[in-house]
C-alpha atoms as a PDB file:
ATOM      1  CA  MET A   1     175.998-120.983  91.607  1.00  0.00           C
ATOM      2  CA  THR A   2     172.577-121.535  90.804  1.00  0.00           C
ATOM      3  CA  PRO A   3     172.299-123.841  88.575  1.00  0.00           C
ATOM      4  CA  GLN A   4     171.194-123.388  84.974  1.00  0.00           C
ATOM      5  CA  PHE A   5     168.211-124.749  82.828  1.00  0.00           C
ATOM      6  CA  ALA A   6     169.036-125.455  79.190  1.00  0.00           C
ATOM      7  CA  ALA A   7     165.665-127.289  78.388  1.00  0.00           C
ATOM      8  CA  THR A   8     165.751-130.722  76.895  1.00  0.00           C
ATOM      9  CA  GLU A   9     164.453-131.174  72.519  1.00  0.00           C
ATOM     10  CA  GLN A  10     163.350-134.793  72.026  1.00  0.00           C
ATOM     11  CA  SER A  11     161.748-135.901  68.365  1.00  0.00           C
ATOM     12  CA  ASP A  12     160.113-138.302  69.498  1.00  0.00           C
ATOM     13  CA  GLY A  13     157.682-138.928  72.455  1.00  0.00           C
ATOM     14  CA  PRO A  14     156.087-136.665  74.854  1.00  0.00           C
ATOM     15  CA  PRO A  15     158.953-133.994  76.505  1.00  0.00           C
ATOM     16  CA  ARG A  16     161.130-134.693  79.479  1.00  0.00           C
ATOM     17  CA  ARG A  17     160.198-132.988  82.968  1.00  0.00           C
ATOM     18  CA  ASP A  18     163.863-132.334  83.372  1.00  0.00           C
ATOM     19  CA  LEU A  19     163.500-129.281  85.698  1.00  0.00           C
ATOM     20  CA  VAL A  20     162.971-128.742  89.342  1.00  0.00           C
ATOM     21  CA  LEU A  21     162.074-125.171  91.163  1.00  0.00           C
ATOM     22  CA  VAL A  22     163.065-124.925  94.146  1.00  0.00           C
ATOM     23  CA  VAL A  23     161.274-121.883  95.797  1.00  0.00           C
ATOM     24  CA  VAL A  24     162.983-120.814  99.463  1.00  0.00           C
ATOM     25  CA  ASN A  25     161.936-118.249 101.627  1.00  0.00           C
ATOM     26  CA  ARG A  26     165.155-117.839 103.810  1.00  0.00           C
ATOM     27  CA  SER A  27     162.629-115.884 106.790  1.00  0.00           C
ATOM     28  CA  SER A  28     160.646-118.930 107.838  1.00  0.00           C
ATOM     29  CA  GLY A  29     161.539-120.819 110.824  1.00  0.00           C
ATOM     30  CA  ALA A  30     163.821-119.621 114.018  1.00  0.00           C
ATOM     31  CA  ALA A  31     167.138-120.037 111.805  1.00  0.00           C
ATOM     32  CA  ASN A  32     168.958-119.903 108.670  1.00  0.00           C
ATOM     33  CA  ARG A  33     168.335-122.935 106.748  1.00  0.00           C
ATOM     34  CA  LYS A  34     170.902-122.700 104.067  1.00  0.00           C
ATOM     35  CA  PRO A  35     172.371-125.832 104.392  1.00  0.00           C
ATOM     36  CA  LEU A  36     169.438-127.726 104.480  1.00  0.00           C
ATOM     37  CA  VAL A  37     168.616-126.286 100.926  1.00  0.00           C
ATOM     38  CA  ASP A  38     171.653-126.851  99.376  1.00  0.00           C
ATOM     39  CA  ALA A  39     171.697-130.443 100.822  1.00  0.00           C
ATOM     40  CA  LEU A  40     168.503-130.366  98.786  1.00  0.00           C
ATOM     41  CA  VAL A  41     169.935-128.870  95.714  1.00  0.00           C
ATOM     42  CA  ASP A  42     172.578-131.447  96.005  1.00  0.00           C
ATOM     43  CA  ARG A  43     169.967-134.698  96.018  1.00  0.00           C
ATOM     44  CA  ILE A  44     167.925-133.246  93.483  1.00  0.00           C
ATOM     45  CA  GLN A  45     171.399-132.760  90.973  1.00  0.00           C
ATOM     46  CA  GLU A  46     172.313-136.196  91.589  1.00  0.00           C
ATOM     47  CA  ALA A  47     169.477-137.953  90.572  1.00  0.00           C
ATOM     48  CA  GLY A  48     169.619-136.866  87.394  1.00  0.00           C
ATOM     49  CA  TRP A  49     167.448-133.302  87.134  1.00  0.00           C
ATOM     50  CA  ASP A  50     168.248-129.597  86.228  1.00  0.00           C
ATOM     51  CA  CYS A  51     167.249-127.687  89.348  1.00  0.00           C
ATOM     52  CA  ARG A  52     166.556-123.942  89.934  1.00  0.00           C
ATOM     53  CA  ILE A  53     166.642-122.044  93.129  1.00  0.00           C
ATOM     54  CA  VAL A  54     164.071-119.066  93.532  1.00  0.00           C
ATOM     55  CA  ALA A  55     164.850-116.677  95.917  1.00  0.00           C
ATOM     56  CA  GLN A  56     162.443-114.384  96.026  1.00  0.00           C
ATOM     57  CA  LEU A  57     158.767-115.203  95.673  1.00  0.00           C
ATOM     58  CA  ASP A  58     158.199-112.565  93.369  1.00  0.00           C
ATOM     59  CA  GLN A  59     160.061-113.889  90.534  1.00  0.00           C
ATOM     60  CA  LEU A  60     158.333-117.221  90.281  1.00  0.00           C
ATOM     61  CA  GLY A  61     155.733-115.834  88.028  1.00  0.00           C
ATOM     62  CA  SER A  62     158.602-114.518  85.674  1.00  0.00           C
ATOM     63  CA  VAL A  63     160.785-117.552  85.887  1.00  0.00           C
ATOM     64  CA  LEU A  64     157.452-119.715  85.294  1.00  0.00           C
ATOM     65  CA  ASP A  65     156.962-117.512  81.882  1.00  0.00           C
ATOM     66  CA  SER A  66     160.743-118.671  81.052  1.00  0.00           C
ATOM     67  CA  VAL A  67     159.845-122.377  81.310  1.00  0.00           C
ATOM     68  CA  PRO A  68     157.822-124.766  79.455  1.00  0.00           C
ATOM     69  CA  THR A  69     155.181-126.288  81.546  1.00  0.00           C
ATOM     70  CA  SER A  70     156.312-129.639  79.939  1.00  0.00           C
ATOM     71  CA  ALA A  71     159.838-129.641  81.122  1.00  0.00           C
ATOM     72  CA  LEU A  72     158.528-129.032  84.821  1.00  0.00           C
ATOM     73  CA  ARG A  73     159.375-132.283  87.433  1.00  0.00           C
ATOM     74  CA  GLY A  74     157.991-130.292  90.085  1.00  0.00           C
ATOM     75  CA  VAL A  75     158.026-127.111  92.136  1.00  0.00           C
ATOM     76  CA  VAL A  76     159.200-127.358  95.725  1.00  0.00           C
ATOM     77  CA  ALA A  77     158.167-124.505  98.229  1.00  0.00           C
ATOM     78  CA  ALA A  78     160.775-124.608 101.334  1.00  0.00           C
ATOM     79  CA  GLY A  79     159.421-122.831 103.840  1.00  0.00           C
ATOM     80  CA  GLY A  80     156.450-122.807 106.221  1.00  0.00           C
ATOM     81  CA  ASP A  81     152.513-122.908 105.279  1.00  0.00           C
ATOM     82  CA  GLY A  82     152.418-118.903 103.789  1.00  0.00           C
ATOM     83  CA  THR A  83     155.205-120.335 101.455  1.00  0.00           C
ATOM     84  CA  VAL A  84     153.533-122.814 100.365  1.00  0.00           C
ATOM     85  CA  ASN A  85     150.161-120.821  99.920  1.00  0.00           C
ATOM     86  CA  ALA A  86     152.307-118.313  97.772  1.00  0.00           C
ATOM     87  CA  VAL A  87     153.661-120.840  95.641  1.00  0.00           C
ATOM     88  CA  ALA A  88     150.456-122.526  94.831  1.00  0.00           C
ATOM     89  CA  GLU A  89     148.704-119.173  94.015  1.00  0.00           C
ATOM     90  CA  ARG A  90     151.241-118.872  91.381  1.00  0.00           C
ATOM     91  CA  LEU A  91     151.668-122.368  90.006  1.00  0.00           C
ATOM     92  CA  PRO A  92     149.812-123.081  86.457  1.00  0.00           C
ATOM     93  CA  GLU A  93     147.060-125.667  86.905  1.00  0.00           C
ATOM     94  CA  GLY A  94     148.238-129.611  87.156  1.00  0.00           C
ATOM     95  CA  VAL A  95     152.048-128.344  87.440  1.00  0.00           C
ATOM     96  CA  PRO A  96     152.831-130.332  90.919  1.00  0.00           C
ATOM     97  CA  LEU A  97     153.866-129.072  93.880  1.00  0.00           C
ATOM     98  CA  LEU A  98     156.028-130.150  96.808  1.00  0.00           C
ATOM     99  CA  VAL A  99     156.314-129.358 100.172  1.00  0.00           C
ATOM    100  CA  PHE A 100     159.663-128.853 101.914  1.00  0.00           C
ATOM    101  CA  PRO A 101     158.827-128.035 105.729  1.00  0.00           C
ATOM    102  CA  MET A 102     160.887-124.892 107.155  1.00  0.00           C
ATOM    103  CA  GLY A 103     158.016-122.562 108.830  1.00  0.00           C
ATOM    104  CA  THR A 104     157.912-122.268 112.410  1.00  0.00           C
ATOM    105  CA  GLU A 105     154.581-124.048 111.677  1.00  0.00           C
ATOM    106  CA  ASN A 106     154.361-126.494 109.030  1.00  0.00           C
ATOM    107  CA  LEU A 107     150.690-127.545 108.955  1.00  0.00           C
ATOM    108  CA  LEU A 108     150.430-129.386 106.025  1.00  0.00           C
ATOM    109  CA  ALA A 109     152.990-131.150 106.356  1.00  0.00           C
ATOM    110  CA  THR A 110     152.163-132.255 109.216  1.00  0.00           C
ATOM    111  CA  SER A 111     148.926-133.345 107.889  1.00  0.00           C
ATOM    112  CA  LEU A 112     150.512-135.562 105.134  1.00  0.00           C
ATOM    113  CA  GLY A 113     153.658-136.457 107.566  1.00  0.00           C
ATOM    114  CA  LEU A 114     156.464-134.835 105.284  1.00  0.00           C
ATOM    115  CA  GLN A 115     159.623-133.960 106.681  1.00  0.00           C
ATOM    116  CA  ALA A 116     162.331-131.572 105.858  1.00  0.00           C
ATOM    117  CA  CYS A 117     164.380-134.542 104.330  1.00  0.00           C
ATOM    118  CA  PRO A 118     166.485-133.886 100.867  1.00  0.00           C
ATOM    119  CA  ARG A 119     166.392-137.871 100.513  1.00  0.00           C
ATOM    120  CA  LEU A 120     162.623-138.417 100.654  1.00  0.00           C
ATOM    121  CA  LEU A 121     161.894-135.472  99.055  1.00  0.00           C
ATOM    122  CA  VAL A 122     163.958-136.781  95.700  1.00  0.00           C
ATOM    123  CA  GLU A 123     162.168-139.937  96.509  1.00  0.00           C
ATOM    124  CA  THR A 124     158.868-138.585  95.884  1.00  0.00           C
ATOM    125  CA  LEU A 125     160.356-136.557  92.969  1.00  0.00           C
ATOM    126  CA  GLN A 126     160.999-140.659  91.592  1.00  0.00           C
ATOM    127  CA  ARG A 127     158.143-142.488  92.809  1.00  0.00           C
ATOM    128  CA  GLY A 128     155.238-140.023  94.703  1.00  0.00           C
ATOM    129  CA  ILE A 129     151.871-139.434  93.707  1.00  0.00           C
ATOM    130  CA  THR A 130     149.438-136.841  92.736  1.00  0.00           C
ATOM    131  CA  LYS A 131     146.895-135.809  95.673  1.00  0.00           C
ATOM    132  CA  PRO A 132     144.656-133.215  94.651  1.00  0.00           C
ATOM    133  CA  LEU A 133     143.321-130.475  96.835  1.00  0.00           C
ATOM    134  CA  ASP A 134     140.689-127.663  97.293  1.00  0.00           C
ATOM    135  CA  VAL A 135     141.770-124.378  96.855  1.00  0.00           C
ATOM    136  CA  GLY A 136     140.116-122.037  99.377  1.00  0.00           C
ATOM    137  CA  MET A 137     139.370-118.377  98.304  1.00  0.00           C
ATOM    138  CA  ALA A 138     139.784-115.498 101.058  1.00  0.00           C
ATOM    139  CA  ASN A 139     138.176-112.097  99.681  1.00  0.00           C
ATOM    140  CA  GLY A 140     140.406-113.571  96.416  1.00  0.00           C
ATOM    141  CA  ARG A 141     142.974-115.040  98.076  1.00  0.00           C
ATOM    142  CA  PRO A 142     143.686-118.517  97.656  1.00  0.00           C
ATOM    143  CA  PHE A 143     144.271-120.491 101.093  1.00  0.00           C
ATOM    144  CA  LEU A 144     144.850-124.249 101.607  1.00  0.00           C
ATOM    145  CA  ILE A 145     144.862-124.975 105.317  1.00  0.00           C
ATOM    146  CA  VAL A 146     142.400-122.664 106.882  1.00  0.00           C
ATOM    147  CA  ALA A 147     141.018-118.942 107.581  1.00  0.00           C
ATOM    148  CA  SER A 148     140.116-117.496 110.606  1.00  0.00           C
ATOM    149  CA  ALA A 149     138.888-114.421 112.539  1.00  0.00           C
ATOM    150  CA  GLY A 150     139.044-113.196 115.810  1.00  0.00           C
ATOM    151  CA  PHE A 151     141.319-113.882 118.913  1.00  0.00           C
ATOM    152  CA  ASP A 152     143.726-116.068 117.185  1.00  0.00           C
ATOM    153  CA  ALA A 153     144.053-113.900 114.118  1.00  0.00           C
ATOM    154  CA  GLU A 154     144.803-110.839 116.812  1.00  0.00           C
ATOM    155  CA  VAL A 155     147.499-112.728 117.665  1.00  0.00           C
ATOM    156  CA  VAL A 156     148.701-113.463 114.251  1.00  0.00           C
ATOM    157  CA  ARG A 157     148.485-109.582 113.549  1.00  0.00           C
ATOM    158  CA  ARG A 158     150.880-108.322 116.753  1.00  0.00           C
ATOM    159  CA  ILE A 159     153.187-110.853 115.462  1.00  0.00           C
ATOM    160  CA  HIS A 160     152.812-109.426 111.488  1.00  0.00           C
ATOM    161  CA  LEU A 161     153.282-105.616 112.951  1.00  0.00           C
ATOM    162  CA  THR A 162     156.264-106.676 115.021  1.00  0.00           C
ATOM    163  CA  ARG A 163     158.063-109.339 112.285  1.00  0.00           C
ATOM    164  CA  LYS A 164     161.786-108.815 111.591  1.00  0.00           C
ATOM    165  CA  GLY A 165     163.175-111.721 109.784  1.00  0.00           C
ATOM    166  CA  ASN A 166     163.319-115.382 111.577  1.00  0.00           C
ATOM    167  CA  VAL A 167     160.153-115.783 113.847  1.00  0.00           C
ATOM    168  CA  TRP A 168     160.828-117.760 116.830  1.00  0.00           C
ATOM    169  CA  LYS A 169     157.913-119.900 118.671  1.00  0.00           C
ATOM    170  CA  VAL A 170     158.603-117.596 121.850  1.00  0.00           C
ATOM    171  CA  GLN A 171     157.142-114.556 119.824  1.00  0.00           C
ATOM    172  CA  TYR A 172     154.021-116.889 119.460  1.00  0.00           C
ATOM    173  CA  VAL A 173     153.724-117.161 123.318  1.00  0.00           C
ATOM    174  CA  ALA A 174     154.411-113.384 123.940  1.00  0.00           C
ATOM    175  CA  ALA A 175     151.692-112.133 121.309  1.00  0.00           C
ATOM    176  CA  LEU A 176     149.296-114.995 122.739  1.00  0.00           C
ATOM    177  CA  PHE A 177     149.352-113.483 126.435  1.00  0.00           C
ATOM    178  CA  GLN A 178     149.484-109.751 125.278  1.00  0.00           C
ATOM    179  CA  SER A 179     145.801-110.795 123.246  1.00  0.00           C
ATOM    180  CA  LEU A 180     144.742-112.667 125.897  1.00  0.00           C
ATOM    181  CA  TRP A 181     144.951-109.045 127.987  1.00  0.00           C
ATOM    182  CA  ALA A 182     144.205-106.911 125.581  1.00  0.00           C
ATOM    183  CA  TYR A 183     141.386-108.440 122.878  1.00  0.00           C
ATOM    184  CA  ARG A 184     138.064-108.145 123.832  1.00  0.00           C
ATOM    185  CA  PHE A 185     136.549-110.691 121.191  1.00  0.00           C
ATOM    186  CA  PRO A 186     133.953-108.144 119.350  1.00  0.00           C
ATOM    187  CA  PRO A 187     130.842-110.139 117.845  1.00  0.00           C
ATOM    188  CA  LEU A 188     131.092-111.587 114.619  1.00  0.00           C
ATOM    189  CA  ARG A 189     127.825-111.816 112.380  1.00  0.00           C
ATOM    190  CA  LEU A 190     128.207-115.018 110.158  1.00  0.00           C
ATOM    191  CA  ARG A 191     126.263-116.211 107.607  1.00  0.00           C
ATOM    192  CA  TRP A 192     127.031-119.393 105.595  1.00  0.00           C
ATOM    193  CA  GLY A 193     125.572-121.693 102.819  1.00  0.00           C
ATOM    194  CA  ASP A 194     125.562-124.483 100.438  1.00  0.00           C
ATOM    195  CA  ALA A 195     125.491-124.525  96.443  1.00  0.00           C
ATOM    196  CA  ALA A 196     123.650-127.751  96.583  1.00  0.00           C
ATOM    197  CA  VAL A 197     120.459-125.447  98.554  1.00  0.00           C
ATOM    198  CA  PRO A 198     121.139-122.087  97.194  1.00  0.00           C
ATOM    199  CA  HIS A 199     118.191-120.757  98.868  1.00  0.00           C
ATOM    200  CA  GLU A 200     119.269-121.506 102.413  1.00  0.00           C
ATOM    201  CA  ARG A 201     121.491-119.661 104.349  1.00  0.00           C
ATOM    202  CA  GLN A 202     122.249-120.007 108.486  1.00  0.00           C
ATOM    203  CA  GLU A 203     123.514-117.627 110.641  1.00  0.00           C
ATOM    204  CA  ALA A 204     124.656-116.716 113.969  1.00  0.00           C
ATOM    205  CA  THR A 205     126.433-113.963 115.780  1.00  0.00           C
ATOM    206  CA  VAL A 206     129.722-115.574 117.761  1.00  0.00           C
ATOM    207  CA  GLY A 207     133.131-114.128 118.971  1.00  0.00           C
ATOM    208  CA  TRP A 208     135.708-116.552 117.613  1.00  0.00           C
ATOM    209  CA  PHE A 209     135.624-118.392 113.605  1.00  0.00           C
ATOM    210  CA  PHE A 210     137.596-120.742 112.223  1.00  0.00           C
ATOM    211  CA  GLY A 211     136.801-122.274 108.424  1.00  0.00           C
ATOM    212  CA  PHE A 212     139.285-125.327 107.428  1.00  0.00           C
ATOM    213  CA  LEU A 213     139.939-127.185 104.572  1.00  0.00           C
ATOM    214  CA  ILE A 214     142.653-129.270 106.698  1.00  0.00           C
ATOM    215  CA  PRO A 215     142.323-130.187 110.220  1.00  0.00           C
ATOM    216  CA  ARG A 216     145.498-128.907 111.372  1.00  0.00           C
ATOM    217  CA  TYR A 217     146.458-125.178 113.481  1.00  0.00           C
ATOM    218  CA  ALA A 218     149.225-124.137 115.338  1.00  0.00           C
ATOM    219  CA  MET A 219     150.553-125.878 118.784  1.00  0.00           C
ATOM    220  CA  GLY A 220     148.122-129.179 117.340  1.00  0.00           C
ATOM    221  CA  LEU A 221     144.762-127.435 118.381  1.00  0.00           C
ATOM    222  CA  PRO A 222     142.449-130.098 117.681  1.00  0.00           C
ATOM    223  CA  PHE A 223     139.260-127.447 116.550  1.00  0.00           C
ATOM    224  CA  LEU A 224     137.596-130.493 113.963  1.00  0.00           C
ATOM    225  CA  GLN A 225     135.975-133.187 115.819  1.00  0.00           C
ATOM    226  CA  LYS A 226     135.343-134.886 111.987  1.00  0.00           C
ATOM    227  CA  ALA A 227     138.069-134.149 110.144  1.00  0.00           C
ATOM    228  CA  PRO A 228     137.083-132.087 106.250  1.00  0.00           C
ATOM    229  CA  GLU A 229     136.814-134.101 103.274  1.00  0.00           C
ATOM    230  CA  GLN A 230     138.674-133.108  99.672  1.00  0.00           C
ATOM    231  CA  ASP A 231     134.836-132.193  98.532  1.00  0.00           C
ATOM    232  CA  GLY A 232     134.549-128.918  97.449  1.00  0.00           C
ATOM    233  CA  ARG A 233     132.923-127.453 101.079  1.00  0.00           C
ATOM    234  CA  ILE A 234     134.903-125.937 104.060  1.00  0.00           C
ATOM    235  CA  ASP A 235     134.631-126.744 107.894  1.00  0.00           C
ATOM    236  CA  GLY A 236     133.546-124.397 109.808  1.00  0.00           C
ATOM    237  CA  CYS A 237     133.449-123.716 113.701  1.00  0.00           C
ATOM    238  CA  TYR A 238     133.097-121.493 116.395  1.00  0.00           C
ATOM    239  CA  PHE A 239     133.091-120.435 119.643  1.00  0.00           C
ATOM    240  CA  PRO A 240     129.736-118.350 120.554  1.00  0.00           C
ATOM    241  CA  ARG A 241     130.965-115.288 123.101  1.00  0.00           C
ATOM    242  CA  GLY A 242     133.840-113.524 124.132  1.00  0.00           C
ATOM    243  CA  GLY A 243     135.537-111.958 127.189  1.00  0.00           C
ATOM    244  CA  ILE A 244     139.210-112.207 128.541  1.00  0.00           C
ATOM    245  CA  LEU A 245     137.752-115.295 130.478  1.00  0.00           C
ATOM    246  CA  ARG A 246     136.278-116.883 128.038  1.00  0.00           C
ATOM    247  CA  GLY A 247     138.865-116.811 126.134  1.00  0.00           C
ATOM    248  CA  LEU A 248     141.241-118.543 128.322  1.00  0.00           C
ATOM    249  CA  GLY A 249     138.661-120.529 128.771  1.00  0.00           C
ATOM    250  CA  TYR A 250     138.541-121.806 125.099  1.00  0.00           C
ATOM    251  CA  PHE A 251     141.994-122.042 124.777  1.00  0.00           C
ATOM    252  CA  LEU A 252     142.565-124.382 127.762  1.00  0.00           C
ATOM    253  CA  SER A 253     139.553-126.403 126.912  1.00  0.00           C
ATOM    254  CA  LEU A 254     141.319-126.731 123.261  1.00  0.00           C
ATOM    255  CA  LEU A 255     144.614-128.100 124.996  1.00  0.00           C
ATOM    256  CA  PHE A 256     142.779-130.756 127.070  1.00  0.00           C
ATOM    257  CA  ARG A 257     140.106-131.302 123.861  1.00  0.00           C
ATOM    258  CA  GLN A 258     137.109-130.558 125.870  1.00  0.00           C
ATOM    259  CA  HIS A 259     136.300-127.627 123.606  1.00  0.00           C
ATOM    260  CA  HIS A 260     133.144-129.582 121.879  1.00  0.00           C
ATOM    261  CA  ARG A 261     131.568-129.318 125.863  1.00  0.00           C
ATOM    262  CA  TRP A 262     130.969-125.353 125.520  1.00  0.00           C
ATOM    263  CA  THR A 263     127.470-124.547 125.153  1.00  0.00           C
ATOM    264  CA  GLY A 264     127.218-123.010 121.809  1.00  0.00           C
ATOM    265  CA  PHE A 265     130.610-124.363 120.066  1.00  0.00           C
ATOM    266  CA  LYS A 266     129.464-125.504 116.878  1.00  0.00           C
ATOM    267  CA  GLN A 267     130.936-127.437 113.648  1.00  0.00           C
ATOM    268  CA  PHE A 268     129.658-127.112 110.030  1.00  0.00           C
ATOM    269  CA  ARG A 269     129.991-127.466 106.240  1.00  0.00           C
ATOM    270  CA  ALA A 270     129.476-125.129 103.277  1.00  0.00           C
ATOM    271  CA  SER A 271     130.425-123.939  99.737  1.00  0.00           C
ATOM    272  CA  TRP A 272     130.331-119.984 100.930  1.00  0.00           C
ATOM    273  CA  ILE A 273     130.743-118.703 104.590  1.00  0.00           C
ATOM    274  CA  GLU A 274     130.828-114.688 105.244  1.00  0.00           C
ATOM    275  CA  ILE A 275     131.876-112.567 108.236  1.00  0.00           C
ATOM    276  CA  GLU A 276     131.572-109.365 109.570  1.00  0.00           C
ATOM    277  CA  SER A 277     131.644-107.012 112.791  1.00  0.00           C
ATOM    278  CA  ASP A 278     131.018-103.436 113.554  1.00  0.00           C
ATOM    279  CA  GLN A 279     134.759-103.468 114.983  1.00  0.00           C
ATOM    280  CA  ALA A 280     137.935-103.489 113.404  1.00  0.00           C
ATOM    281  CA  VAL A 281     138.588-107.163 113.583  1.00  0.00           C
ATOM    282  CA  ALA A 282     141.784-109.059 112.010  1.00  0.00           C
ATOM    283  CA  TYR A 283     141.604-112.186 110.339  1.00  0.00           C
ATOM    284  CA  GLN A 284     144.209-114.999 108.665  1.00  0.00           C
ATOM    285  CA  ILE A 285     145.180-117.208 106.283  1.00  0.00           C
ATOM    286  CA  ASP A 286     147.434-120.118 106.440  1.00  0.00           C
ATOM    287  CA  GLY A 287     149.445-118.353 109.256  1.00  0.00           C
ATOM    288  CA  GLU A 288     149.386-114.900 107.600  1.00  0.00           C
ATOM    289  CA  TYR A 289     147.986-111.786 108.537  1.00  0.00           C
ATOM    290  CA  ALA A 290     145.012-110.795 105.621  1.00  0.00           C
ATOM    291  CA  GLY A 291     143.548-107.902 106.445  1.00  0.00           C
ATOM    292  CA  GLU A 292     140.327-107.070 108.590  1.00  0.00           C
ATOM    293  CA  LEU A 293     136.615-108.054 108.249  1.00  0.00           C
ATOM    294  CA  PRO A 294     134.478-108.328 106.146  1.00  0.00           C
ATOM    295  CA  LEU A 295     135.211-111.449 104.827  1.00  0.00           C
ATOM    296  CA  ARG A 296     133.975-114.070 102.214  1.00  0.00           C
ATOM    297  CA  LEU A 297     135.210-117.963 102.036  1.00  0.00           C
ATOM    298  CA  GLU A 298     134.397-120.311  98.974  1.00  0.00           C
ATOM    299  CA  ILE A 299     136.342-123.177  97.227  1.00  0.00           C
ATOM    300  CA  ALA A 300     138.224-121.937  94.092  1.00  0.00           C
ATOM    301  CA  SER A 301     137.474-123.516  90.499  1.00  0.00           C
ATOM    302  CA  ARG A 302     141.063-125.422  90.856  1.00  0.00           C
ATOM    303  CA  THR A 303     142.894-127.759  92.837  1.00  0.00           C
ATOM    304  CA  VAL A 304     146.702-127.769  93.364  1.00  0.00           C
ATOM    305  CA  ALA A 305     148.420-131.245  92.782  1.00  0.00           C
ATOM    306  CA  LEU A 306     150.714-131.989  95.424  1.00  0.00           C
ATOM    307  CA  LEU A 307     152.417-134.414  95.024  1.00  0.00           C
ATOM    308  CA  VAL A 308     153.458-137.257  97.827  1.00  0.00           C
ATOM    309  CA  PRO A 309     154.908-140.200  98.794  1.00  0.00           C
ATOM    310  CA  CYS A 310     153.518-143.051  97.526  1.00  0.00           C
ATOM    311  CA  GLU A 311     152.813-144.565 100.769  1.00  0.00           C
ATOM    312  CA  ARG A 312     150.718-141.607 101.666  1.00  0.00           C
END
């Protein structure tokens, strides 16, 4: 049974933050993780907090509306990076977000050394520190990790079209090889600039583009030579041209960390980035298919208050 929340009123001092919301995406990952979520809820309750499970993302907004912000100890996103993104989008500013990684890929959790461990998450609720994260906007939709256009987004699109329930890594491998055979790397027109120099912008025609807020990607592929900073900018990079052989070469060079040797590969920093193409080209944000170009990326005016272990 889902625990019910009863607001705690005090006559003296600030209100107690007694409630923890656990937002569960049960389709994340490759198996049913209900026992792990149940263990997490038990740990939270044993620590003395009320705990409420939110089983549908679209219910989170109404739940937050019914709960005083001052009563929230934190909101736990139990799922993959797409779940973290969706929860962060709905959180009021300043409400702590915690990540309980249960997805096929957990890029944000991996970058911060977080685990799907109920004991560690409760310790973070008790003694964690808040880490502000930049929020990117992709055509008005928020992202926390990466947005990309081109080959990898086509892989994500293929999975999106056939997905039913949990995703297995073998599905990514199958979509990867299907895309290597079918994708033609149409040229992308890329423009970018910096708000500090508003009258200057740069342009390039590229074959494959990425914009990072956190230096992580699926399979640990190391696109960036220098990690992004949380300073209100997007770290972009691109490969110059397309084609099946080049696409395979790009992928292999990433595996062996030699991609920076490709002539025309470039990494840059920008406040805003625009991408368009004359052909239908997919883009993805935080591992989720999000549509087709054109795409504009920029930094949001707010940050996300991520609660992490104090030693991080």
